[in-house]
Amino acid sequence: EVEKHMVFALQINEAKYDSEGNIIRPFMEMEDIDEKFKFER
């Protein structure tokens, strides 16, 4: 079905980790997402 219809998605996975492999979250509101995440057909 996805080949018959134009559907796009932006999937935001985890972006940053510390030296021990723990996820890092921003303590302030971000104005933009990490640039590596893009909309994809």
PDB file of all heavy atoms in Angstrom:
ATOM      1  N   GLU A   1       0.810  -1.216   0.000  1.00  0.00           N
ATOM      2  CA  GLU A   1       0.000   0.000   0.000  1.00  0.00           C
ATOM      3  C   GLU A   1       0.848   1.274   0.000  1.00  0.00           C
ATOM      4  O   GLU A   1       0.457   2.281  -0.584  1.00  0.00           O
ATOM      5  CB  GLU A   1      -0.931   0.006   1.215  1.00  0.00           C
ATOM      6  CG  GLU A   1      -2.077  -0.983   1.127  1.00  0.00           C
ATOM      7  CD  GLU A   1      -2.990  -0.680  -0.042  1.00  0.00           C
ATOM      8  OE1 GLU A   1      -3.562   0.429  -0.079  1.00  0.00           O
ATOM      9  OE2 GLU A   1      -3.132  -1.557  -0.923  1.00  0.00           O
ATOM     10  N   VAL A   2       1.998   1.255   0.668  1.00  0.00           N
ATOM     11  CA  VAL A   2       2.820   2.476   0.706  1.00  0.00           C
ATOM     12  C   VAL A   2       3.354   2.841  -0.672  1.00  0.00           C
ATOM     13  O   VAL A   2       3.716   4.005  -0.917  1.00  0.00           O
ATOM     14  CB  VAL A   2       4.000   2.351   1.707  1.00  0.00           C
ATOM     15  CG1 VAL A   2       3.482   2.242   3.126  1.00  0.00           C
ATOM     16  CG2 VAL A   2       4.902   1.158   1.364  1.00  0.00           C
ATOM     17  N   GLU A   3       3.407   1.868  -1.576  1.00  0.00           N
ATOM     18  CA  GLU A   3       3.854   2.162  -2.937  1.00  0.00           C
ATOM     19  C   GLU A   3       2.757   2.833  -3.760  1.00  0.00           C
ATOM     20  O   GLU A   3       3.033   3.472  -4.773  1.00  0.00           O
ATOM     21  CB  GLU A   3       4.307   0.868  -3.635  1.00  0.00           C
ATOM     22  CG  GLU A   3       5.512   0.199  -3.002  1.00  0.00           C
ATOM     23  CD  GLU A   3       6.791   1.028  -3.162  1.00  0.00           C
ATOM     24  OE1 GLU A   3       6.815   1.941  -4.000  1.00  0.00           O
ATOM     25  OE2 GLU A   3       7.768   0.729  -2.446  1.00  0.00           O
ATOM     26  N   LYS A   4       1.521   2.708  -3.311  1.00  0.00           N
ATOM     27  CA  LYS A   4       0.392   3.279  -4.044  1.00  0.00           C
ATOM     28  C   LYS A   4       0.037   4.686  -3.584  1.00  0.00           C
ATOM     29  O   LYS A   4      -0.699   5.399  -4.273  1.00  0.00           O
ATOM     30  CB  LYS A   4      -0.844   2.387  -3.884  1.00  0.00           C
ATOM     31  CG  LYS A   4      -0.666   0.944  -4.321  1.00  0.00           C
ATOM     32  CD  LYS A   4      -1.929   0.157  -4.006  1.00  0.00           C
ATOM     33  CE  LYS A   4      -1.760  -1.323  -4.290  1.00  0.00           C
ATOM     34  NZ  LYS A   4      -2.978  -2.095  -3.911  1.00  0.00           N
ATOM     35  N   HIS A   5       0.528   5.087  -2.427  1.00  0.00           N
ATOM     36  CA  HIS A   5       0.130   6.360  -1.840  1.00  0.00           C
ATOM     37  C   HIS A   5       1.358   7.150  -1.397  1.00  0.00           C
ATOM     38  O   HIS A   5       2.377   6.573  -0.995  1.00  0.00           O
ATOM     39  CB  HIS A   5      -0.796   6.126  -0.644  1.00  0.00           C
ATOM     40  CG  HIS A   5      -1.972   5.276  -0.970  1.00  0.00           C
ATOM     41  ND1 HIS A   5      -3.104   5.764  -1.575  1.00  0.00           N
ATOM     42  CD2 HIS A   5      -2.184   3.944  -0.782  1.00  0.00           C
ATOM     43  CE1 HIS A   5      -3.975   4.786  -1.752  1.00  0.00           C
ATOM     44  NE2 HIS A   5      -3.443   3.674  -1.281  1.00  0.00           N
ATOM     45  N   MET A   6       1.251   8.481  -1.446  1.00  0.00           N
ATOM     46  CA  MET A   6       2.355   9.344  -1.048  1.00  0.00           C
ATOM     47  C   MET A   6       2.273   9.612   0.450  1.00  0.00           C
ATOM     48  O   MET A   6       1.486  10.456   0.907  1.00  0.00           O
ATOM     49  CB  MET A   6       2.327  10.652  -1.831  1.00  0.00           C
ATOM     50  CG  MET A   6       2.632  10.487  -3.307  1.00  0.00           C
ATOM     51  SD  MET A   6       2.826  12.070  -4.156  1.00  0.00           S
ATOM     52  CE  MET A   6       4.346  12.657  -3.403  1.00  0.00           C
ATOM     53  N   VAL A   7       3.053   8.867   1.210  1.00  0.00           N
ATOM     54  CA  VAL A   7       3.089   9.062   2.660  1.00  0.00           C
ATOM     55  C   VAL A   7       4.535   9.326   3.090  1.00  0.00           C
ATOM     56  O   VAL A   7       5.483   8.711   2.575  1.00  0.00           O
ATOM     57  CB  VAL A   7       2.504   7.854   3.416  1.00  0.00           C
ATOM     58  CG1 VAL A   7       1.025   7.727   3.131  1.00  0.00           C
ATOM     59  CG2 VAL A   7       3.223   6.574   3.059  1.00  0.00           C
ATOM     60  N   PHE A   8       4.678  10.244   4.026  1.00  0.00           N
ATOM     61  CA  PHE A   8       5.996  10.662   4.493  1.00  0.00           C
ATOM     62  C   PHE A   8       6.019  10.600   6.021  1.00  0.00           C
ATOM     63  O   PHE A   8       4.990  10.745   6.676  1.00  0.00           O
ATOM     64  CB  PHE A   8       6.296  12.096   4.043  1.00  0.00           C
ATOM     65  CG  PHE A   8       6.265  12.292   2.557  1.00  0.00           C
ATOM     66  CD1 PHE A   8       5.057  12.490   1.894  1.00  0.00           C
ATOM     67  CD2 PHE A   8       7.439  12.280   1.818  1.00  0.00           C
ATOM     68  CE1 PHE A   8       5.019  12.679   0.520  1.00  0.00           C
ATOM     69  CE2 PHE A   8       7.408  12.457   0.442  1.00  0.00           C
ATOM     70  CZ  PHE A   8       6.195  12.656  -0.207  1.00  0.00           C
ATOM     71  N   ALA A   9       7.202  10.404   6.561  1.00  0.00           N
ATOM     72  CA  ALA A   9       7.317  10.362   8.017  1.00  0.00           C
ATOM     73  C   ALA A   9       8.655  10.937   8.463  1.00  0.00           C
ATOM     74  O   ALA A   9       9.668  10.824   7.762  1.00  0.00           O
ATOM     75  CB  ALA A   9       7.169   8.936   8.539  1.00  0.00           C
ATOM     76  N   LEU A  10       8.605  11.567   9.622  1.00  0.00           N
ATOM     77  CA  LEU A  10       9.816  12.039  10.293  1.00  0.00           C
ATOM     78  C   LEU A  10       9.902  11.283  11.607  1.00  0.00           C
ATOM     79  O   LEU A  10       9.066  11.461  12.488  1.00  0.00           O
ATOM     80  CB  LEU A  10       9.718  13.547  10.556  1.00  0.00           C
ATOM     81  CG  LEU A  10      10.775  14.158  11.483  1.00  0.00           C
ATOM     82  CD1 LEU A  10      12.172  13.958  10.920  1.00  0.00           C
ATOM     83  CD2 LEU A  10      10.494  15.630  11.715  1.00  0.00           C
ATOM     84  N   GLN A  11      10.876  10.402  11.711  1.00  0.00           N
ATOM     85  CA  GLN A  11      11.042   9.593  12.916  1.00  0.00           C
ATOM     86  C   GLN A  11      12.209  10.143  13.735  1.00  0.00           C
ATOM     87  O   GLN A  11      13.348  10.158  13.262  1.00  0.00           O
ATOM     88  CB  GLN A  11      11.288   8.136  12.559  1.00  0.00           C
ATOM     89  CG  GLN A  11      11.395   7.224  13.768  1.00  0.00           C
ATOM     90  CD  GLN A  11      11.085   5.781  13.427  1.00  0.00           C
ATOM     91  OE1 GLN A  11       9.951   5.409  13.165  1.00  0.00           O
ATOM     92  NE2 GLN A  11      12.107   4.953  13.408  1.00  0.00           N
ATOM     93  N   ILE A  12      11.923  10.576  14.961  1.00  0.00           N
ATOM     94  CA  ILE A  12      12.951  11.178  15.797  1.00  0.00           C
ATOM     95  C   ILE A  12      13.433  10.140  16.798  1.00  0.00           C
ATOM     96  O   ILE A  12      12.774   9.873  17.807  1.00  0.00           O
ATOM     97  CB  ILE A  12      12.396  12.414  16.538  1.00  0.00           C
ATOM     98  CG1 ILE A  12      11.653  13.330  15.566  1.00  0.00           C
ATOM     99  CG2 ILE A  12      13.532  13.184  17.205  1.00  0.00           C
ATOM    100  CD1 ILE A  12      10.922  14.452  16.254  1.00  0.00           C
ATOM    101  N   ASN A  13      14.557   9.561  16.526  1.00  0.00           N
ATOM    102  CA  ASN A  13      15.141   8.581  17.429  1.00  0.00           C
ATOM    103  C   ASN A  13      16.015   9.284  18.464  1.00  0.00           C
ATOM    104  O   ASN A  13      16.063  10.513  18.535  1.00  0.00           O
ATOM    105  CB  ASN A  13      15.957   7.560  16.624  1.00  0.00           C
ATOM    106  CG  ASN A  13      15.086   6.762  15.670  1.00  0.00           C
ATOM    107  OD1 ASN A  13      13.997   6.319  16.043  1.00  0.00           O
ATOM    108  ND2 ASN A  13      15.537   6.586  14.447  1.00  0.00           N
ATOM    109  N   GLU A  14      16.722   8.506  19.266  1.00  0.00           N
ATOM    110  CA  GLU A  14      17.583   9.114  20.268  1.00  0.00           C
ATOM    111  C   GLU A  14      18.787   9.766  19.595  1.00  0.00           C
ATOM    112  O   GLU A  14      19.367   9.217  18.650  1.00  0.00           O
ATOM    113  CB  GLU A  14      18.044   8.071  21.281  1.00  0.00           C
ATOM    114  CG  GLU A  14      16.898   7.378  22.016  1.00  0.00           C
ATOM    115  CD  GLU A  14      16.029   8.334  22.825  1.00  0.00           C
ATOM    116  OE1 GLU A  14      16.240   9.563  22.772  1.00  0.00           O
ATOM    117  OE2 GLU A  14      15.125   7.845  23.516  1.00  0.00           O
ATOM    118  N   ALA A  15      19.179  10.938  20.091  1.00  0.00           N
ATOM    119  CA  ALA A  15      20.221  11.713  19.428  1.00  0.00           C
ATOM    120  C   ALA A  15      21.541  11.754  20.190  1.00  0.00           C
ATOM    121  O   ALA A  15      22.612  11.737  19.587  1.00  0.00           O
ATOM    122  CB  ALA A  15      19.729  13.147  19.190  1.00  0.00           C
ATOM    123  N   LYS A  16      21.479  11.811  21.535  1.00  0.00           N
ATOM    124  CA  LYS A  16      22.713  12.014  22.291  1.00  0.00           C
ATOM    125  C   LYS A  16      22.816  11.042  23.468  1.00  0.00           C
ATOM    126  O   LYS A  16      21.830  10.749  24.131  1.00  0.00           O
ATOM    127  CB  LYS A  16      22.781  13.455  22.796  1.00  0.00           C
ATOM    128  CG  LYS A  16      22.858  14.496  21.685  1.00  0.00           C
ATOM    129  CD  LYS A  16      22.978  15.905  22.246  1.00  0.00           C
ATOM    130  CE  LYS A  16      23.065  16.924  21.117  1.00  0.00           C
ATOM    131  NZ  LYS A  16      23.192  18.306  21.641  1.00  0.00           N
ATOM    132  N   TYR A  17      24.047  10.591  23.721  1.00  0.00           N
ATOM    133  CA  TYR A  17      24.344   9.675  24.819  1.00  0.00           C
ATOM    134  C   TYR A  17      25.582  10.172  25.566  1.00  0.00           C
ATOM    135  O   TYR A  17      26.448  10.839  24.984  1.00  0.00           O
ATOM    136  CB  TYR A  17      24.612   8.266  24.291  1.00  0.00           C
ATOM    137  CG  TYR A  17      23.447   7.616  23.598  1.00  0.00           C
ATOM    138  CD1 TYR A  17      23.169   7.875  22.262  1.00  0.00           C
ATOM    139  CD2 TYR A  17      22.619   6.728  24.281  1.00  0.00           C
ATOM    140  CE1 TYR A  17      22.093   7.276  21.614  1.00  0.00           C
ATOM    141  CE2 TYR A  17      21.546   6.113  23.638  1.00  0.00           C
ATOM    142  CZ  TYR A  17      21.295   6.390  22.311  1.00  0.00           C
ATOM    143  OH  TYR A  17      20.232   5.789  21.667  1.00  0.00           O
ATOM    144  N   ASP A  18      25.656   9.825  26.849  1.00  0.00           N
ATOM    145  CA  ASP A  18      26.865  10.159  27.594  1.00  0.00           C
ATOM    146  C   ASP A  18      27.901   9.044  27.426  1.00  0.00           C
ATOM    147  O   ASP A  18      27.686   8.080  26.682  1.00  0.00           O
ATOM    148  CB  ASP A  18      26.549  10.419  29.077  1.00  0.00           C
ATOM    149  CG  ASP A  18      26.012   9.181  29.806  1.00  0.00           C
ATOM    150  OD1 ASP A  18      26.192   8.050  29.307  1.00  0.00           O
ATOM    151  OD2 ASP A  18      25.395   9.355  30.879  1.00  0.00           O
ATOM    152  N   SER A  19      29.046   9.173  28.101  1.00  0.00           N
ATOM    153  CA  SER A  19      30.149   8.225  27.932  1.00  0.00           C
ATOM    154  C   SER A  19      29.809   6.826  28.411  1.00  0.00           C
ATOM    155  O   SER A  19      30.474   5.853  28.038  1.00  0.00           O
ATOM    156  CB  SER A  19      31.386   8.732  28.677  1.00  0.00           C
ATOM    157  OG  SER A  19      31.104   8.880  30.063  1.00  0.00           O
ATOM    158  N   GLU A  20      28.751   6.700  29.253  1.00  0.00           N
ATOM    159  CA  GLU A  20      28.338   5.399  29.759  1.00  0.00           C
ATOM    160  C   GLU A  20      27.191   4.798  28.957  1.00  0.00           C
ATOM    161  O   GLU A  20      26.663   3.743  29.300  1.00  0.00           O
ATOM    162  CB  GLU A  20      27.933   5.521  31.231  1.00  0.00           C
ATOM    163  CG  GLU A  20      29.076   5.965  32.144  1.00  0.00           C
ATOM    164  CD  GLU A  20      28.615   6.128  33.578  1.00  0.00           C
ATOM    165  OE1 GLU A  20      27.426   5.885  33.869  1.00  0.00           O
ATOM    166  OE2 GLU A  20      29.452   6.503  34.414  1.00  0.00           O
ATOM    167  N   GLY A  21      26.802   5.486  27.895  1.00  0.00           N
ATOM    168  CA  GLY A  21      25.729   4.985  27.047  1.00  0.00           C
ATOM    169  C   GLY A  21      24.338   5.364  27.492  1.00  0.00           C
ATOM    170  O   GLY A  21      23.345   4.839  26.972  1.00  0.00           O
ATOM    171  N   ASN A  22      24.223   6.270  28.468  1.00  0.00           N
ATOM    172  CA  ASN A  22      22.911   6.735  28.927  1.00  0.00           C
ATOM    173  C   ASN A  22      22.421   7.876  28.043  1.00  0.00           C
ATOM    174  O   ASN A  22      23.215   8.730  27.616  1.00  0.00           O
ATOM    175  CB  ASN A  22      23.002   7.228  30.376  1.00  0.00           C
ATOM    176  CG  ASN A  22      23.456   6.143  31.327  1.00  0.00           C
ATOM    177  OD1 ASN A  22      22.877   5.064  31.364  1.00  0.00           O
ATOM    178  ND2 ASN A  22      24.507   6.420  32.088  1.00  0.00           N
ATOM    179  N   ILE A  23      21.140   7.899  27.778  1.00  0.00           N
ATOM    180  CA  ILE A  23      20.548   8.938  26.950  1.00  0.00           C
ATOM    181  C   ILE A  23      20.663  10.297  27.637  1.00  0.00           C
ATOM    182  O   ILE A  23      20.532  10.410  28.850  1.00  0.00           O
ATOM    183  CB  ILE A  23      19.075   8.607  26.662  1.00  0.00           C
ATOM    184  CG1 ILE A  23      18.993   7.397  25.732  1.00  0.00           C
ATOM    185  CG2 ILE A  23      18.334   9.791  26.058  1.00  0.00           C
ATOM    186  CD1 ILE A  23      17.601   6.809  25.613  1.00  0.00           C
ATOM    187  N   ILE A  24      20.895  11.327  26.843  1.00  0.00           N
ATOM    188  CA  ILE A  24      20.954  12.703  27.341  1.00  0.00           C
ATOM    189  C   ILE A  24      19.781  13.480  26.775  1.00  0.00           C
ATOM    190  O   ILE A  24      19.550  13.475  25.567  1.00  0.00           O
ATOM    191  CB  ILE A  24      22.272  13.386  26.927  1.00  0.00           C
ATOM    192  CG1 ILE A  24      23.466  12.674  27.563  1.00  0.00           C
ATOM    193  CG2 ILE A  24      22.265  14.857  27.316  1.00  0.00           C
ATOM    194  CD1 ILE A  24      24.805  13.219  27.105  1.00  0.00           C
ATOM    195  N   ARG A  25      19.030  14.127  27.656  1.00  0.00           N
ATOM    196  CA  ARG A  25      17.915  14.974  27.238  1.00  0.00           C
ATOM    197  C   ARG A  25      18.259  16.452  27.498  1.00  0.00           C
ATOM    198  O   ARG A  25      18.965  16.761  28.461  1.00  0.00           O
ATOM    199  CB  ARG A  25      16.650  14.627  28.019  1.00  0.00           C
ATOM    200  CG  ARG A  25      16.167  13.198  27.821  1.00  0.00           C
ATOM    201  CD  ARG A  25      15.204  13.105  26.682  1.00  0.00           C
ATOM    202  NE  ARG A  25      14.652  11.762  26.579  1.00  0.00           N
ATOM    203  CZ  ARG A  25      14.788  10.981  25.520  1.00  0.00           C
ATOM    204  NH1 ARG A  25      15.447  11.414  24.462  1.00  0.00           N
ATOM    205  NH2 ARG A  25      14.259   9.776  25.497  1.00  0.00           N
ATOM    206  N   PRO A  26      17.743  17.375  26.682  1.00  0.00           N
ATOM    207  CA  PRO A  26      17.980  18.801  26.923  1.00  0.00           C
ATOM    208  C   PRO A  26      17.142  19.292  28.107  1.00  0.00           C
ATOM    209  O   PRO A  26      15.967  18.963  28.220  1.00  0.00           O
ATOM    210  CB  PRO A  26      17.525  19.455  25.617  1.00  0.00           C
ATOM    211  CG  PRO A  26      16.500  18.512  25.062  1.00  0.00           C
ATOM    212  CD  PRO A  26      16.956  17.135  25.454  1.00  0.00           C
ATOM    213  N   PHE A  27      17.742  20.084  28.984  1.00  0.00           N
ATOM    214  CA  PHE A  27      17.012  20.575  30.144  1.00  0.00           C
ATOM    215  C   PHE A  27      16.169  21.804  29.805  1.00  0.00           C
ATOM    216  O   PHE A  27      15.321  22.225  30.590  1.00  0.00           O
ATOM    217  CB  PHE A  27      17.976  20.898  31.299  1.00  0.00           C
ATOM    218  CG  PHE A  27      18.874  22.070  31.062  1.00  0.00           C
ATOM    219  CD1 PHE A  27      18.461  23.359  31.412  1.00  0.00           C
ATOM    220  CD2 PHE A  27      20.127  21.906  30.516  1.00  0.00           C
ATOM    221  CE1 PHE A  27      19.288  24.444  31.207  1.00  0.00           C
ATOM    222  CE2 PHE A  27      20.966  22.985  30.310  1.00  0.00           C
ATOM    223  CZ  PHE A  27      20.548  24.257  30.654  1.00  0.00           C
ATOM    224  N   MET A  28      16.396  22.376  28.607  1.00  0.00           N
ATOM    225  CA  MET A  28      15.615  23.516  28.141  1.00  0.00           C
ATOM    226  C   MET A  28      14.880  23.143  26.851  1.00  0.00           C
ATOM    227  O   MET A  28      15.250  22.183  26.171  1.00  0.00           O
ATOM    228  CB  MET A  28      16.520  24.729  27.887  1.00  0.00           C
ATOM    229  CG  MET A  28      17.207  25.261  29.121  1.00  0.00           C
ATOM    230  SD  MET A  28      18.294  26.673  28.761  1.00  0.00           S
ATOM    231  CE  MET A  28      17.092  27.877  28.168  1.00  0.00           C
ATOM    232  N   GLU A  29      13.860  23.909  26.534  1.00  0.00           N
ATOM    233  CA  GLU A  29      13.107  23.667  25.307  1.00  0.00           C
ATOM    234  C   GLU A  29      13.978  23.966  24.090  1.00  0.00           C
ATOM    235  O   GLU A  29      14.570  25.040  23.984  1.00  0.00           O
ATOM    236  CB  GLU A  29      11.854  24.547  25.297  1.00  0.00           C
ATOM    237  CG  GLU A  29      10.876  24.203  26.419  1.00  0.00           C
ATOM    238  CD  GLU A  29       9.849  25.295  26.652  1.00  0.00           C
ATOM    239  OE1 GLU A  29      10.090  26.428  26.194  1.00  0.00           O
ATOM    240  OE2 GLU A  29       8.829  25.014  27.305  1.00  0.00           O
ATOM    241  N   MET A  30      14.050  23.033  23.168  1.00  0.00           N
ATOM    242  CA  MET A  30      14.851  23.193  21.962  1.00  0.00           C
ATOM    243  C   MET A  30      14.045  23.912  20.879  1.00  0.00           C
ATOM    244  O   MET A  30      12.843  23.696  20.739  1.00  0.00           O
ATOM    245  CB  MET A  30      15.314  21.829  21.450  1.00  0.00           C
ATOM    246  CG  MET A  30      16.265  21.099  22.383  1.00  0.00           C
ATOM    247  SD  MET A  30      16.745  19.467  21.732  1.00  0.00           S
ATOM    248  CE  MET A  30      17.620  19.952  20.229  1.00  0.00           C
ATOM    249  N   GLU A  31      14.725  24.739  20.110  1.00  0.00           N
ATOM    250  CA  GLU A  31      14.071  25.455  19.018  1.00  0.00           C
ATOM    251  C   GLU A  31      13.983  24.606  17.757  1.00  0.00           C
ATOM    252  O   GLU A  31      13.183  24.890  16.869  1.00  0.00           O
ATOM    253  CB  GLU A  31      14.819  26.756  18.722  1.00  0.00           C
ATOM    254  CG  GLU A  31      14.683  27.801  19.817  1.00  0.00           C
ATOM    255  CD  GLU A  31      13.231  28.229  20.046  1.00  0.00           C
ATOM    256  OE1 GLU A  31      12.477  28.330  19.049  1.00  0.00           O
ATOM    257  OE2 GLU A  31      12.864  28.462  21.212  1.00  0.00           O
ATOM    258  N   ASP A  32      14.812  23.558  17.680  1.00  0.00           N
ATOM    259  CA  ASP A  32      14.789  22.695  16.500  1.00  0.00           C
ATOM    260  C   ASP A  32      15.254  21.293  16.907  1.00  0.00           C
ATOM    261  O   ASP A  32      15.908  21.122  17.936  1.00  0.00           O
ATOM    262  CB  ASP A  32      15.708  23.249  15.413  1.00  0.00           C
ATOM    263  CG  ASP A  32      15.345  22.745  14.021  1.00  0.00           C
ATOM    264  OD1 ASP A  32      14.450  21.873  13.908  1.00  0.00           O
ATOM    265  OD2 ASP A  32      15.952  23.218  13.043  1.00  0.00           O
ATOM    266  N   ILE A  33      14.924  20.319  16.076  1.00  0.00           N
ATOM    267  CA  ILE A  33      15.379  18.953  16.332  1.00  0.00           C
ATOM    268  C   ILE A  33      16.795  18.779  15.775  1.00  0.00           C
ATOM    269  O   ILE A  33      17.293  19.635  15.034  1.00  0.00           O
ATOM    270  CB  ILE A  33      14.431  17.918  15.697  1.00  0.00           C
ATOM    271  CG1 ILE A  33      14.359  18.119  14.172  1.00  0.00           C
ATOM    272  CG2 ILE A  33      13.047  18.011  16.329  1.00  0.00           C
ATOM    273  CD1 ILE A  33      13.594  17.044  13.452  1.00  0.00           C
ATOM    274  N   ASP A  34      17.424  17.676  16.123  1.00  0.00           N
ATOM    275  CA  ASP A  34      18.750  17.370  15.589  1.00  0.00           C
ATOM    276  C   ASP A  34      18.682  17.304  14.061  1.00  0.00           C
ATOM    277  O   ASP A  34      17.766  16.711  13.489  1.00  0.00           O
ATOM    278  CB  ASP A  34      19.233  16.028  16.154  1.00  0.00           C
ATOM    279  CG  ASP A  34      20.700  15.776  15.885  1.00  0.00           C
ATOM    280  OD1 ASP A  34      21.046  15.530  14.702  1.00  0.00           O
ATOM    281  OD2 ASP A  34      21.490  15.817  16.829  1.00  0.00           O
ATOM    282  N   GLU A  35      19.658  17.912  13.410  1.00  0.00           N
ATOM    283  CA  GLU A  35      19.624  18.038  11.950  1.00  0.00           C
ATOM    284  C   GLU A  35      19.701  16.709  11.207  1.00  0.00           C
ATOM    285  O   GLU A  35      19.396  16.646  10.007  1.00  0.00           O
ATOM    286  CB  GLU A  35      20.761  18.943  11.487  1.00  0.00           C
ATOM    287  CG  GLU A  35      22.145  18.412  11.798  1.00  0.00           C
ATOM    288  CD  GLU A  35      23.249  19.353  11.355  1.00  0.00           C
ATOM    289  OE1 GLU A  35      22.932  20.497  10.968  1.00  0.00           O
ATOM    290  OE2 GLU A  35      24.417  18.942  11.380  1.00  0.00           O
ATOM    291  N   LYS A  36      20.091  15.647  11.890  1.00  0.00           N
ATOM    292  CA  LYS A  36      20.199  14.357  11.194  1.00  0.00           C
ATOM    293  C   LYS A  36      18.839  13.708  10.936  1.00  0.00           C
ATOM    294  O   LYS A  36      18.736  12.751  10.169  1.00  0.00           O
ATOM    295  CB  LYS A  36      21.090  13.394  11.969  1.00  0.00           C
ATOM    296  CG  LYS A  36      20.542  12.934  13.307  1.00  0.00           C
ATOM    297  CD  LYS A  36      21.558  12.050  14.022  1.00  0.00           C
ATOM    298  CE  LYS A  36      21.087  11.627  15.390  1.00  0.00           C
ATOM    299  NZ  LYS A  36      22.106  10.828  16.109  1.00  0.00           N
ATOM    300  N   PHE A  37      17.788  14.216  11.570  1.00  0.00           N
ATOM    301  CA  PHE A  37      16.459  13.654  11.376  1.00  0.00           C
ATOM    302  C   PHE A  37      15.730  14.410  10.264  1.00  0.00           C
ATOM    303  O   PHE A  37      15.581  15.635  10.329  1.00  0.00           O
ATOM    304  CB  PHE A  37      15.655  13.704  12.666  1.00  0.00           C
ATOM    305  CG  PHE A  37      16.297  12.950  13.804  1.00  0.00           C
ATOM    306  CD1 PHE A  37      16.551  13.566  15.010  1.00  0.00           C
ATOM    307  CD2 PHE A  37      16.648  11.618  13.650  1.00  0.00           C
ATOM    308  CE1 PHE A  37      17.154  12.874  16.051  1.00  0.00           C
ATOM    309  CE2 PHE A  37      17.249  10.913  14.683  1.00  0.00           C
ATOM    310  CZ  PHE A  37      17.500  11.549  15.887  1.00  0.00           C
ATOM    311  N   LYS A  38      15.268  13.690   9.254  1.00  0.00           N
ATOM    312  CA  LYS A  38      14.625  14.288   8.082  1.00  0.00           C
ATOM    313  C   LYS A  38      13.324  13.555   7.745  1.00  0.00           C
ATOM    314  O   LYS A  38      13.168  12.374   8.053  1.00  0.00           O
ATOM    315  CB  LYS A  38      15.552  14.206   6.862  1.00  0.00           C
ATOM    316  CG  LYS A  38      16.963  14.708   7.084  1.00  0.00           C
ATOM    317  CD  LYS A  38      17.032  16.208   7.174  1.00  0.00           C
ATOM    318  CE  LYS A  38      18.493  16.668   7.267  1.00  0.00           C
ATOM    319  NZ  LYS A  38      18.595  18.143   7.419  1.00  0.00           N
ATOM    320  N   PHE A  39      12.410  14.271   7.081  1.00  0.00           N
ATOM    321  CA  PHE A  39      11.236  13.611   6.525  1.00  0.00           C
ATOM    322  C   PHE A  39      11.685  12.674   5.412  1.00  0.00           C
ATOM    323  O   PHE A  39      12.598  12.988   4.646  1.00  0.00           O
ATOM    324  CB  PHE A  39      10.243  14.632   5.969  1.00  0.00           C
ATOM    325  CG  PHE A  39       9.265  15.149   6.982  1.00  0.00           C
ATOM    326  CD1 PHE A  39       9.443  16.398   7.553  1.00  0.00           C
ATOM    327  CD2 PHE A  39       8.181  14.388   7.372  1.00  0.00           C
ATOM    328  CE1 PHE A  39       8.550  16.879   8.490  1.00  0.00           C
ATOM    329  CE2 PHE A  39       7.273  14.854   8.301  1.00  0.00           C
ATOM    330  CZ  PHE A  39       7.462  16.108   8.868  1.00  0.00           C
ATOM    331  N   GLU A  40      11.023  11.533   5.327  1.00  0.00           N
ATOM    332  CA  GLU A  40      11.390  10.520   4.337  1.00  0.00           C
ATOM    333  C   GLU A  40      10.141   9.962   3.684  1.00  0.00           C
ATOM    334  O   GLU A  40       9.132   9.740   4.344  1.00  0.00           O
ATOM    335  CB  GLU A  40      12.171   9.398   5.031  1.00  0.00           C
ATOM    336  CG  GLU A  40      12.686   8.322   4.101  1.00  0.00           C
ATOM    337  CD  GLU A  40      13.513   7.280   4.834  1.00  0.00           C
ATOM    338  OE1 GLU A  40      13.232   7.010   6.031  1.00  0.00           O
ATOM    339  OE2 GLU A  40      14.439   6.718   4.212  1.00  0.00           O
ATOM    340  N   ARG A  41      10.205   9.775   2.378  1.00  0.00           N
ATOM    341  CA  ARG A  41       9.107   9.107   1.671  1.00  0.00           C
ATOM    342  C   ARG A  41       9.092   7.639   2.098  1.00  0.00           C
ATOM    343  O   ARG A  41      10.112   6.951   2.065  1.00  0.00           O
ATOM    344  CB  ARG A  41       9.314   9.216   0.158  1.00  0.00           C
ATOM    345  CG  ARG A  41       8.341   8.374  -0.681  1.00  0.00           C
ATOM    346  CD  ARG A  41       6.983   8.987  -0.761  1.00  0.00           C
ATOM    347  NE  ARG A  41       6.040   8.128  -1.457  1.00  0.00           N
ATOM    348  CZ  ARG A  41       5.815   8.155  -2.774  1.00  0.00           C
ATOM    349  NH1 ARG A  41       6.501   9.000  -3.544  1.00  0.00           N
ATOM    350  NH2 ARG A  41       4.915   7.364  -3.301  1.00  0.00           N
TER     351      ARG A  41
END
